[in-house]
Amino acid sequence: MKIEDNIRKIIPCLDLKEGKVVKGTNFIGLREMGDPLIMAKHYCATGADELAILDISKTQTGADFNIDLIYAISAAIDIKLIVGGGIATLADIARILQAGADKVSIASAALSDPNFIEEAASKFGSEKIIIAFDIQSDSESGKHYIYTHGGTKKSDWEVFSALEKFTDLGAGEFLITGIDFDGAKQGFDLEFFKEAAKYTDKPLIASGGAGKIEDFIELFRQTSVKSGLAASIFHQNEVGIPELKKALTEAGIKVRL
């Protein structure tokens, strides 16, 4: 394994609604956090490895993509930009990549038409296609199911079989958010991510639950997850990326400084 393969990444996430950054807990109670362009520049300058933008206006109301904002952010930063939210066609992907995004994050459209992912990976390259799963554990079966529509609708997709399926179809990465952990700041779902890695050889991005530096240390020590994604602890200046990376380095975890 190359040394590069061992490097773990920190990804701040900007959830956008009507052009502003918002954040909630367990996908509800959204409140405004700030201006996305200013925040993007800040995260780029302070050591983020990549930046994720999720446009929930597009997901929830069908509003058009904020292409001008994607252009502005991509021009202002020199790290990779992930854009998601309501992406449903090859034309959507093309527009977003042309606006400067490096990768797209696809959720509901993948579940409703898995062949879409095969077509997208073939046309644009697997490395540009991230599949996003919002998951919740079923109390009776103990299985983790994927939810759509902002975590409100349970699908028939069990996440481990979905990981296998979409790996075969050409997905390049998986972004997995634990709904019960989102914004709760009680740590990532380590047991889930340990298990999930058995079903795909593609990089996993863990989302949901980061509350302190130690949560990232445990995520990277106990699982093979490639990237840790978080929002509120960065937005509220509870944890700074420079101090987080310093602590990870001191804990023997390889990151880009």
C-alpha atoms as a PDB file:
ATOM      1  CA  MET A   1       0.000   0.000   0.000  1.00  0.00           C
ATOM      2  CA  LYS A   2       1.311   3.420  -0.904  1.00  0.00           C
ATOM      3  CA  ILE A   3       1.796   5.944   1.894  1.00  0.00           C
ATOM      4  CA  GLU A   4      -0.742   8.167   0.141  1.00  0.00           C
ATOM      5  CA  ASP A   5      -3.372   5.499   0.709  1.00  0.00           C
ATOM      6  CA  ASN A   6      -2.913   5.785   4.481  1.00  0.00           C
ATOM      7  CA  ILE A   7      -3.578   9.514   4.625  1.00  0.00           C
ATOM      8  CA  ARG A   8      -6.910  10.372   6.250  1.00  0.00           C
ATOM      9  CA  LYS A   9      -8.936  13.394   5.228  1.00  0.00           C
ATOM     10  CA  ILE A  10     -10.998  16.030   7.021  1.00  0.00           C
ATOM     11  CA  ILE A  11     -14.008  17.349   5.110  1.00  0.00           C
ATOM     12  CA  PRO A  12     -16.179  20.216   6.364  1.00  0.00           C
ATOM     13  CA  CYS A  13     -19.715  20.166   4.974  1.00  0.00           C
ATOM     14  CA  LEU A  14     -21.816  23.179   4.040  1.00  0.00           C
ATOM     15  CA  ASP A  15     -25.535  22.377   4.012  1.00  0.00           C
ATOM     16  CA  LEU A  16     -27.151  25.067   1.860  1.00  0.00           C
ATOM     17  CA  LYS A  17     -30.694  26.328   1.968  1.00  0.00           C
ATOM     18  CA  GLU A  18     -31.684  29.360  -0.114  1.00  0.00           C
ATOM     19  CA  GLY A  19     -28.013  30.285  -0.506  1.00  0.00           C
ATOM     20  CA  LYS A  20     -27.151  30.227   3.209  1.00  0.00           C
ATOM     21  CA  VAL A  21     -25.356  27.598   5.286  1.00  0.00           C
ATOM     22  CA  VAL A  22     -27.701  25.858   7.742  1.00  0.00           C
ATOM     23  CA  LYS A  23     -27.350  23.059  10.301  1.00  0.00           C
ATOM     24  CA  GLY A  24     -29.702  21.031  12.464  1.00  0.00           C
ATOM     25  CA  THR A  25     -29.735  17.945  14.670  1.00  0.00           C
ATOM     26  CA  ASN A  26     -30.919  14.551  13.390  1.00  0.00           C
ATOM     27  CA  PHE A  27     -31.835  16.348  10.141  1.00  0.00           C
ATOM     28  CA  ILE A  28     -34.321  18.744  11.801  1.00  0.00           C
ATOM     29  CA  GLY A  29     -34.283  22.140  13.533  1.00  0.00           C
ATOM     30  CA  LEU A  30     -32.269  23.912  10.862  1.00  0.00           C
ATOM     31  CA  ARG A  31     -30.678  27.225  11.777  1.00  0.00           C
ATOM     32  CA  GLU A  32     -28.591  29.618   9.738  1.00  0.00           C
ATOM     33  CA  MET A  33     -24.816  29.381  10.171  1.00  0.00           C
ATOM     34  CA  GLY A  34     -23.297  31.835   7.717  1.00  0.00           C
ATOM     35  CA  ASP A  35     -22.241  32.790   4.205  1.00  0.00           C
ATOM     36  CA  PRO A  36     -21.035  29.791   2.147  1.00  0.00           C
ATOM     37  CA  LEU A  37     -18.341  31.613   0.165  1.00  0.00           C
ATOM     38  CA  ILE A  38     -16.747  33.123   3.267  1.00  0.00           C
ATOM     39  CA  MET A  39     -16.885  29.774   5.058  1.00  0.00           C
ATOM     40  CA  ALA A  40     -15.456  27.906   2.059  1.00  0.00           C
ATOM     41  CA  LYS A  41     -12.477  30.264   1.887  1.00  0.00           C
ATOM     42  CA  HIS A  42     -11.935  29.871   5.638  1.00  0.00           C
ATOM     43  CA  TYR A  43     -11.923  26.080   5.495  1.00  0.00           C
ATOM     44  CA  CYS A  44      -9.585  26.039   2.520  1.00  0.00           C
ATOM     45  CA  ALA A  45      -7.174  28.394   4.293  1.00  0.00           C
ATOM     46  CA  THR A  46      -7.203  26.425   7.552  1.00  0.00           C
ATOM     47  CA  GLY A  47      -6.377  22.989   6.173  1.00  0.00           C
ATOM     48  CA  ALA A  48      -9.513  21.194   5.008  1.00  0.00           C
ATOM     49  CA  ASP A  49      -8.631  18.420   2.569  1.00  0.00           C
ATOM     50  CA  GLU A  50     -11.877  18.670   0.610  1.00  0.00           C
ATOM     51  CA  LEU A  51     -15.089  20.664   0.942  1.00  0.00           C
ATOM     52  CA  ALA A  52     -18.603  19.263   0.605  1.00  0.00           C
ATOM     53  CA  ILE A  53     -21.655  21.297  -0.364  1.00  0.00           C
ATOM     54  CA  LEU A  54     -25.131  19.791  -0.034  1.00  0.00           C
ATOM     55  CA  ASP A  55     -27.920  21.928  -1.457  1.00  0.00           C
ATOM     56  CA  ILE A  56     -30.981  20.880   0.510  1.00  0.00           C
ATOM     57  CA  SER A  57     -33.109  23.498  -1.273  1.00  0.00           C
ATOM     58  CA  LYS A  58     -32.736  21.414  -4.414  1.00  0.00           C
ATOM     59  CA  THR A  59     -33.461  18.188  -2.532  1.00  0.00           C
ATOM     60  CA  GLN A  60     -36.491  19.483  -0.646  1.00  0.00           C
ATOM     61  CA  THR A  61     -38.198  21.836  -3.088  1.00  0.00           C
ATOM     62  CA  GLY A  62     -36.748  21.037  -6.496  1.00  0.00           C
ATOM     63  CA  ALA A  63     -35.215  24.498  -6.832  1.00  0.00           C
ATOM     64  CA  ASP A  64     -32.539  24.695  -9.516  1.00  0.00           C
ATOM     65  CA  PHE A  65     -28.890  24.198  -8.653  1.00  0.00           C
ATOM     66  CA  ASN A  66     -27.085  27.301  -7.430  1.00  0.00           C
ATOM     67  CA  ILE A  67     -24.589  27.117 -10.289  1.00  0.00           C
ATOM     68  CA  ASP A  68     -23.274  30.657  -9.736  1.00  0.00           C
ATOM     69  CA  LEU A  69     -22.366  29.805  -6.159  1.00  0.00           C
ATOM     70  CA  ILE A  70     -20.599  26.604  -7.224  1.00  0.00           C
ATOM     71  CA  TYR A  71     -18.595  28.642  -9.733  1.00  0.00           C
ATOM     72  CA  ALA A  72     -17.705  31.218  -7.081  1.00  0.00           C
ATOM     73  CA  ILE A  73     -16.652  28.687  -4.460  1.00  0.00           C
ATOM     74  CA  SER A  74     -14.662  26.513  -6.871  1.00  0.00           C
ATOM     75  CA  ALA A  75     -12.794  29.594  -8.088  1.00  0.00           C
ATOM     76  CA  ALA A  76     -11.990  30.679  -4.532  1.00  0.00           C
ATOM     77  CA  ILE A  77     -10.559  27.421  -3.183  1.00  0.00           C
ATOM     78  CA  ASP A  78      -7.766  25.082  -4.238  1.00  0.00           C
ATOM     79  CA  ILE A  79      -9.059  21.906  -2.606  1.00  0.00           C
ATOM     80  CA  LYS A  80     -11.456  19.377  -4.095  1.00  0.00           C
ATOM     81  CA  LEU A  81     -15.116  20.366  -4.082  1.00  0.00           C
ATOM     82  CA  ILE A  82     -17.926  17.829  -3.636  1.00  0.00           C
ATOM     83  CA  VAL A  83     -21.430  18.968  -4.596  1.00  0.00           C
ATOM     84  CA  GLY A  84     -24.655  17.118  -3.841  1.00  0.00           C
ATOM     85  CA  GLY A  85     -28.377  17.672  -3.548  1.00  0.00           C
ATOM     86  CA  GLY A  86     -31.025  16.557  -6.017  1.00  0.00           C
ATOM     87  CA  ILE A  87     -28.655  15.332  -8.734  1.00  0.00           C
ATOM     88  CA  ALA A  88     -30.744  13.085 -10.959  1.00  0.00           C
ATOM     89  CA  THR A  89     -29.449  13.152 -14.554  1.00  0.00           C
ATOM     90  CA  LEU A  90     -26.224  13.015 -16.542  1.00  0.00           C
ATOM     91  CA  ALA A  91     -26.921  16.616 -17.551  1.00  0.00           C
ATOM     92  CA  ASP A  92     -27.058  17.615 -13.864  1.00  0.00           C
ATOM     93  CA  ILE A  93     -23.661  16.034 -13.296  1.00  0.00           C
ATOM     94  CA  ALA A  94     -22.190  17.729 -16.360  1.00  0.00           C
ATOM     95  CA  ARG A  95     -23.409  21.180 -15.279  1.00  0.00           C
ATOM     96  CA  ILE A  96     -22.007  20.815 -11.777  1.00  0.00           C
ATOM     97  CA  LEU A  97     -18.631  19.519 -12.934  1.00  0.00           C
ATOM     98  CA  GLN A  98     -18.428  22.281 -15.538  1.00  0.00           C
ATOM     99  CA  ALA A  99     -19.091  24.799 -12.745  1.00  0.00           C
ATOM    100  CA  GLY A 100     -15.933  23.618 -11.014  1.00  0.00           C
ATOM    101  CA  ALA A 101     -16.942  20.732  -8.760  1.00  0.00           C
ATOM    102  CA  ASP A 102     -14.491  17.829  -8.647  1.00  0.00           C
ATOM    103  CA  LYS A 103     -16.995  15.211  -7.503  1.00  0.00           C
ATOM    104  CA  VAL A 104     -20.763  14.855  -7.245  1.00  0.00           C
ATOM    105  CA  SER A 105     -22.688  13.217  -4.439  1.00  0.00           C
ATOM    106  CA  ILE A 106     -25.775  11.301  -5.556  1.00  0.00           C
ATOM    107  CA  ALA A 107     -28.429   9.889  -3.248  1.00  0.00           C
ATOM    108  CA  SER A 108     -32.096   9.299  -4.144  1.00  0.00           C
ATOM    109  CA  ALA A 109     -31.493   9.022  -7.893  1.00  0.00           C
ATOM    110  CA  ALA A 110     -29.068   6.157  -7.320  1.00  0.00           C
ATOM    111  CA  LEU A 111     -31.618   4.170  -5.350  1.00  0.00           C
ATOM    112  CA  SER A 112     -34.448   4.751  -7.812  1.00  0.00           C
ATOM    113  CA  ASP A 113     -32.305   3.882 -10.845  1.00  0.00           C
ATOM    114  CA  PRO A 114     -29.038   2.062 -10.028  1.00  0.00           C
ATOM    115  CA  ASN A 115     -28.129   1.920 -13.722  1.00  0.00           C
ATOM    116  CA  PHE A 116     -27.829   5.713 -13.603  1.00  0.00           C
ATOM    117  CA  ILE A 117     -24.678   5.240 -11.529  1.00  0.00           C
ATOM    118  CA  GLU A 118     -23.204   2.818 -14.030  1.00  0.00           C
ATOM    119  CA  GLU A 119     -23.870   5.341 -16.811  1.00  0.00           C
ATOM    120  CA  ALA A 120     -22.459   8.226 -14.761  1.00  0.00           C
ATOM    121  CA  ALA A 121     -19.289   6.342 -13.836  1.00  0.00           C
ATOM    122  CA  SER A 122     -18.798   5.313 -17.441  1.00  0.00           C
ATOM    123  CA  LYS A 123     -19.270   8.857 -18.767  1.00  0.00           C
ATOM    124  CA  PHE A 124     -17.466  10.922 -16.119  1.00  0.00           C
ATOM    125  CA  GLY A 125     -15.200   8.422 -14.324  1.00  0.00           C
ATOM    126  CA  SER A 126     -15.768   6.556 -11.070  1.00  0.00           C
ATOM    127  CA  GLU A 127     -13.528   8.954  -9.158  1.00  0.00           C
ATOM    128  CA  LYS A 128     -16.092  11.728  -9.686  1.00  0.00           C
ATOM    129  CA  ILE A 129     -19.100   9.728  -8.436  1.00  0.00           C
ATOM    130  CA  ILE A 130     -19.893   9.558  -4.718  1.00  0.00           C
ATOM    131  CA  ILE A 131     -22.970   7.708  -3.497  1.00  0.00           C
ATOM    132  CA  ALA A 132     -24.528   9.230  -0.372  1.00  0.00           C
ATOM    133  CA  PHE A 133     -26.513   7.091   2.060  1.00  0.00           C
ATOM    134  CA  ASP A 134     -28.478   8.480   5.018  1.00  0.00           C
ATOM    135  CA  ILE A 135     -28.962   5.476   7.274  1.00  0.00           C
ATOM    136  CA  GLN A 136     -30.878   4.441  10.355  1.00  0.00           C
ATOM    137  CA  SER A 137     -30.904   1.190  12.283  1.00  0.00           C
ATOM    138  CA  ASP A 138     -34.153  -0.787  12.363  1.00  0.00           C
ATOM    139  CA  SER A 139     -34.947  -1.534  16.014  1.00  0.00           C
ATOM    140  CA  GLU A 140     -36.552  -4.895  15.236  1.00  0.00           C
ATOM    141  CA  SER A 141     -34.154  -6.418  12.724  1.00  0.00           C
ATOM    142  CA  GLY A 142     -31.018  -4.514  13.707  1.00  0.00           C
ATOM    143  CA  LYS A 143     -30.337  -3.888  10.013  1.00  0.00           C
ATOM    144  CA  HIS A 144     -29.410  -0.466   8.709  1.00  0.00           C
ATOM    145  CA  TYR A 145     -31.733   0.912   6.062  1.00  0.00           C
ATOM    146  CA  ILE A 146     -31.191   3.845   3.719  1.00  0.00           C
ATOM    147  CA  TYR A 147     -33.558   6.807   4.044  1.00  0.00           C
ATOM    148  CA  THR A 148     -34.376   9.377   1.370  1.00  0.00           C
ATOM    149  CA  HIS A 149     -35.952  12.842   1.203  1.00  0.00           C
ATOM    150  CA  GLY A 150     -33.785  14.358   3.896  1.00  0.00           C
ATOM    151  CA  GLY A 151     -33.989  11.313   6.128  1.00  0.00           C
ATOM    152  CA  THR A 152     -37.794  11.225   6.232  1.00  0.00           C
ATOM    153  CA  LYS A 153     -38.631   8.223   4.020  1.00  0.00           C
ATOM    154  CA  LYS A 154     -37.382   4.703   4.677  1.00  0.00           C
ATOM    155  CA  SER A 155     -36.374   2.843   1.524  1.00  0.00           C
ATOM    156  CA  ASP A 156     -36.247  -0.909   0.954  1.00  0.00           C
ATOM    157  CA  TRP A 157     -32.475  -0.722   0.579  1.00  0.00           C
ATOM    158  CA  GLU A 158     -30.382  -2.352   3.294  1.00  0.00           C
ATOM    159  CA  VAL A 159     -27.090  -0.503   3.350  1.00  0.00           C
ATOM    160  CA  PHE A 160     -24.608  -3.376   3.201  1.00  0.00           C
ATOM    161  CA  SER A 161     -26.207  -4.919   0.125  1.00  0.00           C
ATOM    162  CA  ALA A 162     -26.332  -1.414  -1.385  1.00  0.00           C
ATOM    163  CA  LEU A 163     -22.593  -0.967  -0.802  1.00  0.00           C
ATOM    164  CA  GLU A 164     -21.900  -4.171  -2.716  1.00  0.00           C
ATOM    165  CA  LYS A 165     -24.323  -3.276  -5.507  1.00  0.00           C
ATOM    166  CA  PHE A 166     -23.044   0.243  -6.135  1.00  0.00           C
ATOM    167  CA  THR A 167     -19.405  -0.791  -5.851  1.00  0.00           C
ATOM    168  CA  ASP A 168     -20.058  -3.194  -8.730  1.00  0.00           C
ATOM    169  CA  LEU A 169     -21.824  -0.428 -10.690  1.00  0.00           C
ATOM    170  CA  GLY A 170     -18.820   1.876 -10.535  1.00  0.00           C
ATOM    171  CA  ALA A 171     -19.241   4.208  -7.549  1.00  0.00           C
ATOM    172  CA  GLY A 172     -15.936   5.761  -6.550  1.00  0.00           C
ATOM    173  CA  GLU A 173     -16.685   6.604  -2.911  1.00  0.00           C
ATOM    174  CA  PHE A 174     -19.476   6.341  -0.361  1.00  0.00           C
ATOM    175  CA  LEU A 175     -20.614   9.124   1.969  1.00  0.00           C
ATOM    176  CA  ILE A 176     -22.582   7.582   4.824  1.00  0.00           C
ATOM    177  CA  THR A 177     -24.455   9.666   7.393  1.00  0.00           C
ATOM    178  CA  GLY A 178     -25.974   8.148  10.517  1.00  0.00           C
ATOM    179  CA  ILE A 179     -29.276   9.979  10.996  1.00  0.00           C
ATOM    180  CA  ASP A 180     -29.412   9.171  14.723  1.00  0.00           C
ATOM    181  CA  PHE A 181     -25.867  10.484  15.111  1.00  0.00           C
ATOM    182  CA  ASP A 182     -26.192  13.613  12.954  1.00  0.00           C
ATOM    183  CA  GLY A 183     -25.512  16.765  14.964  1.00  0.00           C
ATOM    184  CA  ALA A 184     -25.671  14.822  18.243  1.00  0.00           C
ATOM    185  CA  LYS A 185     -21.921  15.211  18.864  1.00  0.00           C
ATOM    186  CA  GLN A 186     -21.667  11.852  20.620  1.00  0.00           C
ATOM    187  CA  GLY A 187     -19.114  10.322  18.265  1.00  0.00           C
ATOM    188  CA  PHE A 188     -19.289   8.425  14.986  1.00  0.00           C
ATOM    189  CA  ASP A 189     -21.044   5.052  14.708  1.00  0.00           C
ATOM    190  CA  LEU A 190     -17.815   3.065  14.938  1.00  0.00           C
ATOM    191  CA  GLU A 191     -19.358  -0.404  14.965  1.00  0.00           C
ATOM    192  CA  PHE A 192     -21.296   0.356  11.810  1.00  0.00           C
ATOM    193  CA  PHE A 193     -18.272   1.677   9.929  1.00  0.00           C
ATOM    194  CA  LYS A 194     -16.139  -1.295  10.972  1.00  0.00           C
ATOM    195  CA  GLU A 195     -18.748  -3.570   9.419  1.00  0.00           C
ATOM    196  CA  ALA A 196     -19.418  -1.416   6.343  1.00  0.00           C
ATOM    197  CA  ALA A 197     -15.794  -1.658   5.210  1.00  0.00           C
ATOM    198  CA  LYS A 198     -16.271  -5.398   4.660  1.00  0.00           C
ATOM    199  CA  TYR A 199     -18.719  -4.756   1.805  1.00  0.00           C
ATOM    200  CA  THR A 200     -16.731  -2.407  -0.426  1.00  0.00           C
ATOM    201  CA  ASP A 201     -13.143  -1.692  -1.372  1.00  0.00           C
ATOM    202  CA  LYS A 202     -13.991   1.941  -2.144  1.00  0.00           C
ATOM    203  CA  PRO A 203     -13.169   4.795   0.256  1.00  0.00           C
ATOM    204  CA  LEU A 204     -15.762   5.563   2.916  1.00  0.00           C
ATOM    205  CA  ILE A 205     -16.581   9.061   4.161  1.00  0.00           C
ATOM    206  CA  ALA A 206     -18.069   8.966   7.666  1.00  0.00           C
ATOM    207  CA  SER A 207     -20.625  11.620   8.603  1.00  0.00           C
ATOM    208  CA  GLY A 208     -22.748  12.144  11.686  1.00  0.00           C
ATOM    209  CA  GLY A 209     -21.669  12.425  15.291  1.00  0.00           C
ATOM    210  CA  ALA A 210     -18.416  14.358  15.475  1.00  0.00           C
ATOM    211  CA  GLY A 211     -18.359  16.387  18.673  1.00  0.00           C
ATOM    212  CA  LYS A 212     -14.716  16.607  19.675  1.00  0.00           C
ATOM    213  CA  ILE A 213     -11.215  15.838  18.454  1.00  0.00           C
ATOM    214  CA  GLU A 214     -11.190  12.422  20.129  1.00  0.00           C
ATOM    215  CA  ASP A 215     -14.132  11.336  17.964  1.00  0.00           C
ATOM    216  CA  PHE A 216     -11.967  11.668  14.836  1.00  0.00           C
ATOM    217  CA  ILE A 217      -9.048   9.924  16.513  1.00  0.00           C
ATOM    218  CA  GLU A 218     -11.260   6.956  17.420  1.00  0.00           C
ATOM    219  CA  LEU A 219     -12.837   6.894  13.951  1.00  0.00           C
ATOM    220  CA  PHE A 220      -9.460   6.614  12.256  1.00  0.00           C
ATOM    221  CA  ARG A 221      -7.938   4.283  14.855  1.00  0.00           C
ATOM    222  CA  GLN A 222     -10.795   1.809  14.957  1.00  0.00           C
ATOM    223  CA  THR A 223     -11.996   1.794  11.342  1.00  0.00           C
ATOM    224  CA  SER A 224     -10.540   1.951   7.842  1.00  0.00           C
ATOM    225  CA  VAL A 225     -12.693   4.981   6.970  1.00  0.00           C
ATOM    226  CA  LYS A 226     -10.776   7.312   4.661  1.00  0.00           C
ATOM    227  CA  SER A 227     -12.439  10.636   5.528  1.00  0.00           C
ATOM    228  CA  GLY A 228     -14.260  12.220   8.425  1.00  0.00           C
ATOM    229  CA  LEU A 229     -16.932  14.758   7.515  1.00  0.00           C
ATOM    230  CA  ALA A 230     -18.436  17.235   9.949  1.00  0.00           C
ATOM    231  CA  ALA A 231     -20.324  20.502  10.013  1.00  0.00           C
ATOM    232  CA  SER A 232     -21.497  22.028  13.273  1.00  0.00           C
ATOM    233  CA  ILE A 233     -18.318  21.557  15.319  1.00  0.00           C
ATOM    234  CA  PHE A 234     -16.375  23.404  12.620  1.00  0.00           C
ATOM    235  CA  HIS A 235     -19.040  26.030  11.929  1.00  0.00           C
ATOM    236  CA  GLN A 236     -19.352  26.883  15.633  1.00  0.00           C
ATOM    237  CA  ASN A 237     -15.575  26.977  16.140  1.00  0.00           C
ATOM    238  CA  GLU A 238     -15.739  24.187  18.705  1.00  0.00           C
ATOM    239  CA  VAL A 239     -12.893  22.445  16.890  1.00  0.00           C
ATOM    240  CA  GLY A 240     -10.441  24.045  14.480  1.00  0.00           C
ATOM    241  CA  ILE A 241      -9.017  21.985  11.626  1.00  0.00           C
ATOM    242  CA  PRO A 242      -5.376  22.928  12.432  1.00  0.00           C
ATOM    243  CA  GLU A 243      -5.703  21.724  16.038  1.00  0.00           C
ATOM    244  CA  LEU A 244      -7.581  18.628  14.886  1.00  0.00           C
ATOM    245  CA  LYS A 245      -4.847  17.688  12.421  1.00  0.00           C
ATOM    246  CA  LYS A 246      -2.142  18.346  15.007  1.00  0.00           C
ATOM    247  CA  ALA A 247      -3.885  15.995  17.434  1.00  0.00           C
ATOM    248  CA  LEU A 248      -4.354  13.341  14.756  1.00  0.00           C
ATOM    249  CA  THR A 249      -0.657  13.524  13.889  1.00  0.00           C
ATOM    250  CA  GLU A 250       0.304  13.204  17.542  1.00  0.00           C
ATOM    251  CA  ALA A 251      -1.958  10.151  17.735  1.00  0.00           C
ATOM    252  CA  GLY A 252      -0.025   8.529  14.906  1.00  0.00           C
ATOM    253  CA  ILE A 253      -2.686   9.103  12.239  1.00  0.00           C
ATOM    254  CA  LYS A 254      -1.376  10.349   8.902  1.00  0.00           C
ATOM    255  CA  VAL A 255      -2.941  13.562   7.601  1.00  0.00           C
ATOM    256  CA  ARG A 256      -1.830  16.352   5.295  1.00  0.00           C
ATOM    257  CA  LEU A 257      -0.513  19.276   7.333  1.00  0.00           C
END
